Amino acid sequence: MEIYGNKEAVNRLTDYRANGRMPHSLLFFGDSGTGKRTLAFYTAMLYLCEKDGEAPCMKCLNCERTEKRIHPDVIYIDGEKTSVAQLREILKDSHGASVEGGIRVYILSEFQILNRECQNALLTYLEEPSDKVRYILTASNKNGILPTILSRTALIRTYPLSAEECEAALKKAGASEEAEKFALTYKGNLGQALKALENKNTGLYFAAVKEYAEAVLKGDEYAALYTLSKLPQTKEDKREPVRILITETAKLFHDALVAAEGGKASCGCDGGLSERLAKKYSLSLLNELCEITRRFSDIAANVYFNTKSASDAFTAGIFEKVKG
């Protein structure tokens, strides 16, 4: 298992293991795509590795099965797809004997979206921890998590890579031609960059972003709304097209502001388009547009948001500013 970046997180985990202080429960929190799930399984290896000394060894049976996601005592729970009843049923067995007689590890992803009842179900087990059970939580942010859970959990933040590190990782993954562009566009977020490279619609999304920005330059709100209406749809996540358009448009305006202040556009999908935006609009207006698009990017980053309401409000906010 290769971990890119997150050196501080790895150092903390290594220190925990070396000093025999592995926490009973941990929370990895950070933007989607910054390595939380990888670190969660890496931590499971630290709990289960059979070798003494430096761990995880990556070679013992426990490490190999954990890396392949097939270890019977590493239970992965997808927070987006788990109800209160399902979570209670899963946790009910957590204090029983593990399959192989050692430690049982529960990984709960997207924990921040679980409602209070679900979180309280876990809290019961955190308050009376078992020596044979460990809990690893991941979350895009910790704001939606009960303070009583946070107080009983070791908190470790994850971060994007530098653009150079991300580019190197993308090249290693086989994306040599587009590595630099995607590393900059996704601001070092390796997970998002890899997802975009694998998505056959990514080129269409970027084309839509440019079309949307052209509509803004022309002051044509109808054209902008039309661009939104014909975004390619996906079965896996119907929110993804709008999420990408909003976040990538925000990057274009960010780059436009940087260009207007004499800097170089670096993270949007079209530097030339950002420079045109910078020439057309005043510095104060670009600041306002950046604030609007940043706010909507935060909304779009949530797992659940209303695509129609968000996209309509996003467009209305932009054109209210550009039309004065």
C-alpha atoms as a PDB file:
ATOM      1  CA  MET A   1       0.000   0.000   0.000  1.00  0.00           C
ATOM      2  CA  GLU A   2       1.438   3.337  -1.052  1.00  0.00           C
ATOM      3  CA  ILE A   3       0.464   6.492   0.800  1.00  0.00           C
ATOM      4  CA  TYR A   4       0.962   9.782  -0.989  1.00  0.00           C
ATOM      5  CA  GLY A   5       1.489  12.820   1.203  1.00  0.00           C
ATOM      6  CA  ASN A   6      -0.108  12.972   4.666  1.00  0.00           C
ATOM      7  CA  LYS A   7       3.335  12.606   6.259  1.00  0.00           C
ATOM      8  CA  GLU A   8       2.151  14.149   9.510  1.00  0.00           C
ATOM      9  CA  ALA A   9      -0.669  11.599   9.749  1.00  0.00           C
ATOM     10  CA  VAL A  10       1.667   8.693   9.015  1.00  0.00           C
ATOM     11  CA  ASN A  11       4.210   9.965  11.544  1.00  0.00           C
ATOM     12  CA  ARG A  12       1.549  10.168  14.243  1.00  0.00           C
ATOM     13  CA  LEU A  13       0.332   6.651  13.491  1.00  0.00           C
ATOM     14  CA  THR A  14       3.891   5.318  13.483  1.00  0.00           C
ATOM     15  CA  ASP A  15       4.528   6.995  16.837  1.00  0.00           C
ATOM     16  CA  TYR A  16       1.332   5.507  18.291  1.00  0.00           C
ATOM     17  CA  ARG A  17       2.373   2.019  17.222  1.00  0.00           C
ATOM     18  CA  ALA A  18       6.035   2.336  18.264  1.00  0.00           C
ATOM     19  CA  ASN A  19       5.057   3.464  21.761  1.00  0.00           C
ATOM     20  CA  GLY A  20       2.215   1.000  22.232  1.00  0.00           C
ATOM     21  CA  ARG A  21      -0.388   3.776  22.280  1.00  0.00           C
ATOM     22  CA  MET A  22      -2.623   2.901  19.350  1.00  0.00           C
ATOM     23  CA  PRO A  23      -5.964   4.656  20.077  1.00  0.00           C
ATOM     24  CA  HIS A  24      -9.161   2.724  20.575  1.00  0.00           C
ATOM     25  CA  SER A  25     -10.833   4.984  17.981  1.00  0.00           C
ATOM     26  CA  LEU A  26      -9.599   7.454  15.355  1.00  0.00           C
ATOM     27  CA  LEU A  27     -11.179   9.981  13.026  1.00  0.00           C
ATOM     28  CA  PHE A  28      -9.555  10.952   9.731  1.00  0.00           C
ATOM     29  CA  PHE A  29     -11.126  14.144   8.414  1.00  0.00           C
ATOM     30  CA  GLY A  30     -10.415  16.212   5.320  1.00  0.00           C
ATOM     31  CA  ASP A  31     -11.680  16.935   1.827  1.00  0.00           C
ATOM     32  CA  SER A  32     -12.889  14.081  -0.318  1.00  0.00           C
ATOM     33  CA  GLY A  33      -9.947  12.632  -2.231  1.00  0.00           C
ATOM     34  CA  THR A  34      -7.237  13.415   0.328  1.00  0.00           C
ATOM     35  CA  GLY A  35      -6.509   9.825   1.341  1.00  0.00           C
ATOM     36  CA  LYS A  36      -8.794   9.170   4.321  1.00  0.00           C
ATOM     37  CA  ARG A  37      -9.870   5.695   3.250  1.00  0.00           C
ATOM     38  CA  THR A  38      -6.302   4.672   2.397  1.00  0.00           C
ATOM     39  CA  LEU A  39      -5.156   5.820   5.830  1.00  0.00           C
ATOM     40  CA  ALA A  40      -8.048   3.959   7.446  1.00  0.00           C
ATOM     41  CA  PHE A  41      -6.959   0.638   5.954  1.00  0.00           C
ATOM     42  CA  TYR A  42      -3.324   1.468   6.693  1.00  0.00           C
ATOM     43  CA  THR A  43      -4.335   1.953  10.335  1.00  0.00           C
ATOM     44  CA  ALA A  44      -6.178  -1.352  10.293  1.00  0.00           C
ATOM     45  CA  MET A  45      -2.868  -2.912   9.228  1.00  0.00           C
ATOM     46  CA  LEU A  46      -1.156  -1.297  12.193  1.00  0.00           C
ATOM     47  CA  TYR A  47      -3.714  -2.903  14.500  1.00  0.00           C
ATOM     48  CA  LEU A  48      -3.458  -6.337  12.892  1.00  0.00           C
ATOM     49  CA  CYS A  49       0.142  -6.687  11.629  1.00  0.00           C
ATOM     50  CA  GLU A  50       1.677  -9.938  12.883  1.00  0.00           C
ATOM     51  CA  LYS A  51       5.283  -8.744  12.847  1.00  0.00           C
ATOM     52  CA  ASP A  52       7.175  -7.060  15.665  1.00  0.00           C
ATOM     53  CA  GLY A  53       9.196  -3.930  15.054  1.00  0.00           C
ATOM     54  CA  GLU A  54       8.404  -1.589  12.193  1.00  0.00           C
ATOM     55  CA  ALA A  55       4.795  -1.952  11.078  1.00  0.00           C
ATOM     56  CA  PRO A  56       2.852  -2.474   8.996  1.00  0.00           C
ATOM     57  CA  CYS A  57       5.157  -4.978   7.354  1.00  0.00           C
ATOM     58  CA  MET A  58       2.907  -5.233   4.242  1.00  0.00           C
ATOM     59  CA  LYS A  59       3.934  -8.879   3.911  1.00  0.00           C
ATOM     60  CA  CYS A  60       2.191 -10.887   6.622  1.00  0.00           C
ATOM     61  CA  LEU A  61      -1.167 -12.520   5.950  1.00  0.00           C
ATOM     62  CA  ASN A  62      -3.072  -9.898   7.949  1.00  0.00           C
ATOM     63  CA  CYS A  63      -1.454  -7.013   6.079  1.00  0.00           C
ATOM     64  CA  GLU A  64      -1.984  -8.608   2.682  1.00  0.00           C
ATOM     65  CA  ARG A  65      -5.657  -9.367   3.300  1.00  0.00           C
ATOM     66  CA  THR A  66      -6.313  -5.928   4.771  1.00  0.00           C
ATOM     67  CA  GLU A  67      -4.734  -4.233   1.757  1.00  0.00           C
ATOM     68  CA  LYS A  68      -6.898  -6.359  -0.561  1.00  0.00           C
ATOM     69  CA  ARG A  69      -9.995  -5.508   1.538  1.00  0.00           C
ATOM     70  CA  ILE A  70     -10.700  -9.180   2.285  1.00  0.00           C
ATOM     71  CA  HIS A  71      -9.730  -9.525   5.953  1.00  0.00           C
ATOM     72  CA  PRO A  72     -12.704 -11.091   7.828  1.00  0.00           C
ATOM     73  CA  ASP A  73     -12.100  -8.923  10.904  1.00  0.00           C
ATOM     74  CA  VAL A  74     -11.930  -5.581   9.047  1.00  0.00           C
ATOM     75  CA  ILE A  75     -15.515  -4.422   8.566  1.00  0.00           C
ATOM     76  CA  TYR A  76     -16.089  -1.512   6.195  1.00  0.00           C
ATOM     77  CA  ILE A  77     -19.331   0.447   6.647  1.00  0.00           C
ATOM     78  CA  ASP A  78     -20.398   2.991   4.022  1.00  0.00           C
ATOM     79  CA  GLY A  79     -22.047   5.849   5.894  1.00  0.00           C
ATOM     80  CA  GLU A  80     -23.924   6.962   2.773  1.00  0.00           C
ATOM     81  CA  LYS A  81     -25.748   3.645   2.550  1.00  0.00           C
ATOM     82  CA  THR A  82     -26.269   2.665   6.184  1.00  0.00           C
ATOM     83  CA  SER A  83     -29.462   3.107   8.192  1.00  0.00           C
ATOM     84  CA  VAL A  84     -29.777   3.261  11.976  1.00  0.00           C
ATOM     85  CA  ALA A  85     -31.152  -0.277  12.078  1.00  0.00           C
ATOM     86  CA  GLN A  86     -28.319  -1.606   9.903  1.00  0.00           C
ATOM     87  CA  LEU A  87     -25.657   0.134  11.979  1.00  0.00           C
ATOM     88  CA  ARG A  88     -27.106  -1.167  15.239  1.00  0.00           C
ATOM     89  CA  GLU A  89     -27.158  -4.686  13.807  1.00  0.00           C
ATOM     90  CA  ILE A  90     -23.528  -4.416  12.690  1.00  0.00           C
ATOM     91  CA  LEU A  91     -22.318  -2.966  15.988  1.00  0.00           C
ATOM     92  CA  LYS A  92     -24.274  -5.489  18.047  1.00  0.00           C
ATOM     93  CA  ASP A  93     -21.668  -8.111  17.211  1.00  0.00           C
ATOM     94  CA  SER A  94     -18.680  -5.819  17.769  1.00  0.00           C
ATOM     95  CA  HIS A  95     -18.061  -6.938  21.352  1.00  0.00           C
ATOM     96  CA  GLY A  96     -18.356 -10.600  20.453  1.00  0.00           C
ATOM     97  CA  ALA A  97     -15.489 -12.827  19.422  1.00  0.00           C
ATOM     98  CA  SER A  98     -13.679 -11.841  16.245  1.00  0.00           C
ATOM     99  CA  VAL A  99     -13.557 -14.306  13.367  1.00  0.00           C
ATOM    100  CA  GLU A 100      -9.875 -15.117  13.933  1.00  0.00           C
ATOM    101  CA  GLY A 101      -9.657 -14.475  17.657  1.00  0.00           C
ATOM    102  CA  GLY A 102      -7.727 -11.215  17.500  1.00  0.00           C
ATOM    103  CA  ILE A 103      -8.769  -7.592  17.108  1.00  0.00           C
ATOM    104  CA  ARG A 104     -11.805  -6.640  15.076  1.00  0.00           C
ATOM    105  CA  VAL A 105     -11.613  -3.301  13.219  1.00  0.00           C
ATOM    106  CA  TYR A 106     -14.620  -1.259  12.098  1.00  0.00           C
ATOM    107  CA  ILE A 107     -14.146   1.415   9.444  1.00  0.00           C
ATOM    108  CA  LEU A 108     -17.086   3.829   9.164  1.00  0.00           C
ATOM    109  CA  SER A 109     -16.843   6.158   6.153  1.00  0.00           C
ATOM    110  CA  GLU A 110     -18.553   9.539   5.656  1.00  0.00           C
ATOM    111  CA  PHE A 111     -19.409   9.495   9.340  1.00  0.00           C
ATOM    112  CA  GLN A 112     -20.468  13.154   9.369  1.00  0.00           C
ATOM    113  CA  ILE A 113     -23.603  12.407   7.335  1.00  0.00           C
ATOM    114  CA  LEU A 114     -24.928   9.846   9.817  1.00  0.00           C
ATOM    115  CA  ASN A 115     -27.767  11.273  11.872  1.00  0.00           C
ATOM    116  CA  ARG A 116     -27.691  11.764  15.642  1.00  0.00           C
ATOM    117  CA  GLU A 117     -29.360   8.417  16.293  1.00  0.00           C
ATOM    118  CA  CYS A 118     -26.704   6.568  14.278  1.00  0.00           C
ATOM    119  CA  GLN A 119     -23.900   8.442  16.008  1.00  0.00           C
ATOM    120  CA  ASN A 120     -25.371   7.727  19.421  1.00  0.00           C
ATOM    121  CA  ALA A 121     -25.476   4.043  18.504  1.00  0.00           C
ATOM    122  CA  LEU A 122     -21.675   4.123  18.100  1.00  0.00           C
ATOM    123  CA  LEU A 123     -21.176   6.329  21.157  1.00  0.00           C
ATOM    124  CA  THR A 124     -22.511   3.535  23.366  1.00  0.00           C
ATOM    125  CA  TYR A 125     -19.592   1.350  22.287  1.00  0.00           C
ATOM    126  CA  LEU A 126     -16.997   4.120  22.542  1.00  0.00           C
ATOM    127  CA  GLU A 127     -18.029   4.803  26.140  1.00  0.00           C
ATOM    128  CA  GLU A 128     -17.390   1.181  27.118  1.00  0.00           C
ATOM    129  CA  PRO A 129     -14.528   0.152  24.818  1.00  0.00           C
ATOM    130  CA  SER A 130     -13.498  -3.444  24.351  1.00  0.00           C
ATOM    131  CA  ASP A 131      -9.836  -4.433  24.196  1.00  0.00           C
ATOM    132  CA  LYS A 132     -10.662  -6.512  21.122  1.00  0.00           C
ATOM    133  CA  VAL A 133     -12.393  -3.826  19.020  1.00  0.00           C
ATOM    134  CA  ARG A 134     -11.135  -0.708  17.237  1.00  0.00           C
ATOM    135  CA  TYR A 135     -13.129   1.972  15.417  1.00  0.00           C
ATOM    136  CA  ILE A 136     -11.827   4.087  12.535  1.00  0.00           C
ATOM    137  CA  LEU A 137     -14.042   6.917  11.280  1.00  0.00           C
ATOM    138  CA  THR A 138     -13.598   9.031   8.154  1.00  0.00           C
ATOM    139  CA  ALA A 139     -15.381  12.307   7.431  1.00  0.00           C
ATOM    140  CA  SER A 140     -15.098  15.189   4.989  1.00  0.00           C
ATOM    141  CA  ASN A 141     -15.443  17.474   8.010  1.00  0.00           C
ATOM    142  CA  LYS A 142     -16.012  17.075  11.741  1.00  0.00           C
ATOM    143  CA  ASN A 143     -18.703  19.735  12.099  1.00  0.00           C
ATOM    144  CA  GLY A 144     -21.566  17.243  11.948  1.00  0.00           C
ATOM    145  CA  ILE A 145     -20.092  14.865  14.506  1.00  0.00           C
ATOM    146  CA  LEU A 146     -21.224  14.791  18.124  1.00  0.00           C
ATOM    147  CA  PRO A 147     -18.745  16.453  20.527  1.00  0.00           C
ATOM    148  CA  THR A 148     -19.028  13.408  22.803  1.00  0.00           C
ATOM    149  CA  ILE A 149     -17.649  11.247  19.984  1.00  0.00           C
ATOM    150  CA  LEU A 150     -14.882  13.709  19.101  1.00  0.00           C
ATOM    151  CA  SER A 151     -13.763  13.796  22.732  1.00  0.00           C
ATOM    152  CA  ARG A 152     -13.286  10.018  22.724  1.00  0.00           C
ATOM    153  CA  THR A 153     -11.489   9.846  19.378  1.00  0.00           C
ATOM    154  CA  ALA A 154      -7.992  10.679  18.143  1.00  0.00           C
ATOM    155  CA  LEU A 155      -8.392  13.310  15.407  1.00  0.00           C
ATOM    156  CA  ILE A 156      -6.105  13.286  12.358  1.00  0.00           C
ATOM    157  CA  ARG A 157      -6.557  15.697   9.462  1.00  0.00           C
ATOM    158  CA  THR A 158      -5.734  14.823   5.851  1.00  0.00           C
ATOM    159  CA  TYR A 159      -4.488  17.289   3.237  1.00  0.00           C
ATOM    160  CA  PRO A 160      -4.074  17.503  -0.557  1.00  0.00           C
ATOM    161  CA  LEU A 161      -0.627  16.991  -2.028  1.00  0.00           C
ATOM    162  CA  SER A 162       1.500  19.729  -3.459  1.00  0.00           C
ATOM    163  CA  ALA A 163       0.967  20.149  -7.206  1.00  0.00           C
ATOM    164  CA  GLU A 164       4.387  18.552  -7.818  1.00  0.00           C
ATOM    165  CA  GLU A 165       3.644  15.538  -5.607  1.00  0.00           C
ATOM    166  CA  CYS A 166       0.242  15.085  -7.212  1.00  0.00           C
ATOM    167  CA  GLU A 167       1.714  15.290 -10.699  1.00  0.00           C
ATOM    168  CA  ALA A 168       4.313  12.634  -9.820  1.00  0.00           C
ATOM    169  CA  ALA A 169       1.627  10.354  -8.374  1.00  0.00           C
ATOM    170  CA  LEU A 170      -0.562  10.776 -11.459  1.00  0.00           C
ATOM    171  CA  LYS A 171       2.360   9.935 -13.724  1.00  0.00           C
ATOM    172  CA  LYS A 172       2.985   6.841 -11.652  1.00  0.00           C
ATOM    173  CA  ALA A 173      -0.654   5.914 -12.205  1.00  0.00           C
ATOM    174  CA  GLY A 174      -0.127   6.184 -15.966  1.00  0.00           C
ATOM    175  CA  ALA A 175      -1.502   9.676 -16.667  1.00  0.00           C
ATOM    176  CA  SER A 176       1.684  11.136 -18.116  1.00  0.00           C
ATOM    177  CA  GLU A 177       0.181  13.505 -20.719  1.00  0.00           C
ATOM    178  CA  GLU A 178      -2.450  15.112 -18.473  1.00  0.00           C
ATOM    179  CA  ALA A 179      -0.694  14.809 -15.105  1.00  0.00           C
ATOM    180  CA  GLU A 180       0.394  18.450 -14.784  1.00  0.00           C
ATOM    181  CA  LYS A 181      -2.985  19.839 -15.908  1.00  0.00           C
ATOM    182  CA  PHE A 182      -5.009  17.654 -13.550  1.00  0.00           C
ATOM    183  CA  ALA A 183      -2.638  18.196 -10.620  1.00  0.00           C
ATOM    184  CA  LEU A 184      -3.136  21.952 -10.977  1.00  0.00           C
ATOM    185  CA  THR A 185      -6.863  21.787 -11.758  1.00  0.00           C
ATOM    186  CA  TYR A 186      -7.561  19.681  -8.668  1.00  0.00           C
ATOM    187  CA  LYS A 187      -5.119  21.607  -6.470  1.00  0.00           C
ATOM    188  CA  GLY A 188      -3.125  18.529  -5.502  1.00  0.00           C
ATOM    189  CA  ASN A 189      -6.195  16.477  -4.585  1.00  0.00           C
ATOM    190  CA  LEU A 190      -5.012  13.121  -5.885  1.00  0.00           C
ATOM    191  CA  GLY A 191      -8.277  11.267  -5.292  1.00  0.00           C
ATOM    192  CA  GLN A 192     -10.342  13.780  -7.235  1.00  0.00           C
ATOM    193  CA  ALA A 193      -7.757  13.962 -10.019  1.00  0.00           C
ATOM    194  CA  LEU A 194      -7.697  10.176 -10.411  1.00  0.00           C
ATOM    195  CA  LYS A 195     -11.493  10.058 -10.388  1.00  0.00           C
ATOM    196  CA  ALA A 196     -11.618  12.704 -13.100  1.00  0.00           C
ATOM    197  CA  LEU A 197      -9.079  10.838 -15.232  1.00  0.00           C
ATOM    198  CA  GLU A 198     -11.161   7.666 -14.988  1.00  0.00           C
ATOM    199  CA  ASN A 199     -14.402   9.480 -15.817  1.00  0.00           C
ATOM    200  CA  LYS A 200     -15.200   9.378 -19.530  1.00  0.00           C
ATOM    201  CA  ASN A 201     -17.291  12.536 -19.128  1.00  0.00           C
ATOM    202  CA  THR A 202     -14.521  14.693 -17.662  1.00  0.00           C
ATOM    203  CA  GLY A 203     -13.704  16.325 -21.005  1.00  0.00           C
ATOM    204  CA  LEU A 204     -17.389  17.119 -21.508  1.00  0.00           C
ATOM    205  CA  TYR A 205     -17.611  18.628 -18.009  1.00  0.00           C
ATOM    206  CA  PHE A 206     -14.614  20.886 -18.632  1.00  0.00           C
ATOM    207  CA  ALA A 207     -16.106  21.927 -21.989  1.00  0.00           C
ATOM    208  CA  ALA A 208     -19.351  22.802 -20.186  1.00  0.00           C
ATOM    209  CA  VAL A 209     -17.421  24.881 -17.634  1.00  0.00           C
ATOM    210  CA  LYS A 210     -15.811  26.865 -20.455  1.00  0.00           C
ATOM    211  CA  GLU A 211     -19.180  27.283 -22.179  1.00  0.00           C
ATOM    212  CA  TYR A 212     -20.695  28.482 -18.911  1.00  0.00           C
ATOM    213  CA  ALA A 213     -17.884  31.010 -18.409  1.00  0.00           C
ATOM    214  CA  GLU A 214     -18.324  32.260 -21.977  1.00  0.00           C
ATOM    215  CA  ALA A 215     -21.997  32.880 -21.185  1.00  0.00           C
ATOM    216  CA  VAL A 216     -20.948  34.875 -18.135  1.00  0.00           C
ATOM    217  CA  LEU A 217     -18.558  36.948 -20.263  1.00  0.00           C
ATOM    218  CA  LYS A 218     -21.412  37.697 -22.680  1.00  0.00           C
ATOM    219  CA  GLY A 219     -23.847  38.439 -19.880  1.00  0.00           C
ATOM    220  CA  ASP A 220     -26.181  35.746 -21.253  1.00  0.00           C
ATOM    221  CA  GLU A 221     -27.929  34.171 -18.282  1.00  0.00           C
ATOM    222  CA  TYR A 222     -30.174  32.050 -20.512  1.00  0.00           C
ATOM    223  CA  ALA A 223     -27.131  30.480 -22.191  1.00  0.00           C
ATOM    224  CA  ALA A 224     -25.614  29.720 -18.779  1.00  0.00           C
ATOM    225  CA  LEU A 225     -28.796  27.992 -17.606  1.00  0.00           C
ATOM    226  CA  TYR A 226     -28.991  26.086 -20.887  1.00  0.00           C
ATOM    227  CA  THR A 227     -25.434  24.829 -20.352  1.00  0.00           C
ATOM    228  CA  LEU A 228     -26.456  23.535 -16.926  1.00  0.00           C
ATOM    229  CA  SER A 229     -29.541  21.818 -18.351  1.00  0.00           C
ATOM    230  CA  LYS A 230     -27.553  19.727 -20.831  1.00  0.00           C
ATOM    231  CA  LEU A 231     -24.761  18.517 -18.563  1.00  0.00           C
ATOM    232  CA  PRO A 232     -23.947  14.793 -19.095  1.00  0.00           C
ATOM    233  CA  GLN A 233     -25.599  12.700 -16.396  1.00  0.00           C
ATOM    234  CA  THR A 234     -24.191   9.718 -14.509  1.00  0.00           C
ATOM    235  CA  LYS A 235     -26.048   6.830 -12.901  1.00  0.00           C
ATOM    236  CA  GLU A 236     -23.582   6.622 -10.010  1.00  0.00           C
ATOM    237  CA  ASP A 237     -23.968  10.189  -8.726  1.00  0.00           C
ATOM    238  CA  LYS A 238     -26.530  12.525 -10.259  1.00  0.00           C
ATOM    239  CA  ARG A 239     -25.025  15.438  -8.339  1.00  0.00           C
ATOM    240  CA  GLU A 240     -21.574  15.031  -9.838  1.00  0.00           C
ATOM    241  CA  PRO A 241     -22.086  17.104 -13.045  1.00  0.00           C
ATOM    242  CA  VAL A 242     -23.400  20.160 -11.174  1.00  0.00           C
ATOM    243  CA  ARG A 243     -20.781  19.715  -8.445  1.00  0.00           C
ATOM    244  CA  ILE A 244     -17.999  19.747 -11.040  1.00  0.00           C
ATOM    245  CA  LEU A 245     -19.381  22.732 -12.937  1.00  0.00           C
ATOM    246  CA  ILE A 246     -19.731  24.789  -9.754  1.00  0.00           C
ATOM    247  CA  THR A 247     -16.315  23.913  -8.338  1.00  0.00           C
ATOM    248  CA  GLU A 248     -14.499  24.336 -11.659  1.00  0.00           C
ATOM    249  CA  THR A 249     -16.230  27.659 -12.357  1.00  0.00           C
ATOM    250  CA  ALA A 250     -15.128  28.794  -8.904  1.00  0.00           C
ATOM    251  CA  LYS A 251     -11.547  27.937  -9.862  1.00  0.00           C
ATOM    252  CA  LEU A 252     -11.813  30.004 -13.047  1.00  0.00           C
ATOM    253  CA  PHE A 253     -12.928  33.045 -11.050  1.00  0.00           C
ATOM    254  CA  HIS A 254     -10.184  32.413  -8.490  1.00  0.00           C
ATOM    255  CA  ASP A 255      -7.645  32.389 -11.306  1.00  0.00           C
ATOM    256  CA  ALA A 256      -9.213  35.519 -12.782  1.00  0.00           C
ATOM    257  CA  LEU A 257      -8.733  37.316  -9.478  1.00  0.00           C
ATOM    258  CA  VAL A 258      -5.121  36.130  -9.287  1.00  0.00           C
ATOM    259  CA  ALA A 259      -4.531  37.321 -12.869  1.00  0.00           C
ATOM    260  CA  ALA A 260      -6.139  40.697 -12.113  1.00  0.00           C
ATOM    261  CA  GLU A 261      -3.693  41.128  -9.225  1.00  0.00           C
ATOM    262  CA  GLY A 262      -0.735  40.389 -11.489  1.00  0.00           C
ATOM    263  CA  GLY A 263      -0.346  36.675 -10.734  1.00  0.00           C
ATOM    264  CA  LYS A 264      -0.511  33.606 -12.953  1.00  0.00           C
ATOM    265  CA  ALA A 265      -3.648  31.487 -13.353  1.00  0.00           C
ATOM    266  CA  SER A 266      -2.820  28.028 -12.013  1.00  0.00           C
ATOM    267  CA  CYS A 267      -5.770  25.884 -10.957  1.00  0.00           C
ATOM    268  CA  GLY A 268      -8.607  26.443 -13.436  1.00  0.00           C
ATOM    269  CA  CYS A 269      -9.199  24.362 -16.544  1.00  0.00           C
ATOM    270  CA  ASP A 270      -8.461  27.278 -18.914  1.00  0.00           C
ATOM    271  CA  GLY A 271      -5.935  29.958 -17.983  1.00  0.00           C
ATOM    272  CA  GLY A 272      -6.736  32.043 -21.062  1.00  0.00           C
ATOM    273  CA  LEU A 273     -10.415  32.189 -20.120  1.00  0.00           C
ATOM    274  CA  SER A 274      -9.534  33.338 -16.606  1.00  0.00           C
ATOM    275  CA  GLU A 275      -7.374  36.107 -18.043  1.00  0.00           C
ATOM    276  CA  ARG A 276     -10.294  37.279 -20.202  1.00  0.00           C
ATOM    277  CA  LEU A 277     -12.514  37.367 -17.118  1.00  0.00           C
ATOM    278  CA  ALA A 278      -9.811  39.378 -15.346  1.00  0.00           C
ATOM    279  CA  LYS A 279      -9.743  41.963 -18.155  1.00  0.00           C
ATOM    280  CA  LYS A 280     -13.520  42.304 -18.313  1.00  0.00           C
ATOM    281  CA  TYR A 281     -14.372  42.705 -14.633  1.00  0.00           C
ATOM    282  CA  SER A 282     -13.050  44.988 -11.909  1.00  0.00           C
ATOM    283  CA  LEU A 283     -11.016  43.705  -8.994  1.00  0.00           C
ATOM    284  CA  SER A 284     -13.844  44.422  -6.551  1.00  0.00           C
ATOM    285  CA  LEU A 285     -16.379  42.549  -8.704  1.00  0.00           C
ATOM    286  CA  LEU A 286     -14.026  39.576  -9.098  1.00  0.00           C
ATOM    287  CA  ASN A 287     -13.668  39.477  -5.319  1.00  0.00           C
ATOM    288  CA  GLU A 288     -17.455  39.322  -4.995  1.00  0.00           C
ATOM    289  CA  LEU A 289     -17.720  36.621  -7.667  1.00  0.00           C
ATOM    290  CA  CYS A 290     -15.020  34.589  -5.939  1.00  0.00           C
ATOM    291  CA  GLU A 291     -16.918  34.809  -2.666  1.00  0.00           C
ATOM    292  CA  ILE A 292     -20.177  33.666  -4.291  1.00  0.00           C
ATOM    293  CA  THR A 293     -18.594  30.775  -6.164  1.00  0.00           C
ATOM    294  CA  ARG A 294     -16.550  29.711  -3.133  1.00  0.00           C
ATOM    295  CA  ARG A 295     -19.689  29.603  -1.003  1.00  0.00           C
ATOM    296  CA  PHE A 296     -21.495  27.447  -3.546  1.00  0.00           C
ATOM    297  CA  SER A 297     -18.431  25.200  -3.896  1.00  0.00           C
ATOM    298  CA  ASP A 298     -18.734  24.496  -0.180  1.00  0.00           C
ATOM    299  CA  ILE A 299     -22.396  23.574  -0.684  1.00  0.00           C
ATOM    300  CA  ALA A 300     -21.558  21.341  -3.650  1.00  0.00           C
ATOM    301  CA  ALA A 301     -18.888  19.559  -1.593  1.00  0.00           C
ATOM    302  CA  ASN A 302     -21.617  18.110   0.628  1.00  0.00           C
ATOM    303  CA  VAL A 303     -22.714  14.566  -0.100  1.00  0.00           C
ATOM    304  CA  TYR A 304     -26.325  15.656  -0.369  1.00  0.00           C
ATOM    305  CA  PHE A 305     -27.456  18.908  -1.960  1.00  0.00           C
ATOM    306  CA  ASN A 306     -30.350  19.870  -4.217  1.00  0.00           C
ATOM    307  CA  THR A 307     -28.835  20.184  -7.696  1.00  0.00           C
ATOM    308  CA  LYS A 308     -31.652  22.252  -9.223  1.00  0.00           C
ATOM    309  CA  SER A 309     -31.831  24.734  -6.349  1.00  0.00           C
ATOM    310  CA  ALA A 310     -28.041  25.010  -6.072  1.00  0.00           C
ATOM    311  CA  SER A 311     -27.414  25.491  -9.795  1.00  0.00           C
ATOM    312  CA  ASP A 312     -30.243  28.033 -10.202  1.00  0.00           C
ATOM    313  CA  ALA A 313     -29.117  30.033  -7.154  1.00  0.00           C
ATOM    314  CA  PHE A 314     -25.479  29.808  -8.293  1.00  0.00           C
ATOM    315  CA  THR A 315     -26.320  31.268 -11.705  1.00  0.00           C
ATOM    316  CA  ALA A 316     -28.664  33.907 -10.279  1.00  0.00           C
ATOM    317  CA  GLY A 317     -25.978  35.044  -7.828  1.00  0.00           C
ATOM    318  CA  ILE A 318     -23.330  35.399 -10.545  1.00  0.00           C
ATOM    319  CA  PHE A 319     -25.516  37.293 -12.992  1.00  0.00           C
ATOM    320  CA  GLU A 320     -26.906  39.578 -10.313  1.00  0.00           C
ATOM    321  CA  LYS A 321     -23.326  40.754  -9.804  1.00  0.00           C
ATOM    322  CA  VAL A 322     -22.150  40.936 -13.428  1.00  0.00           C
ATOM    323  CA  LYS A 323     -25.282  42.793 -14.563  1.00  0.00           C
ATOM    324  CA  GLY A 324     -24.917  45.245 -11.689  1.00  0.00           C
END
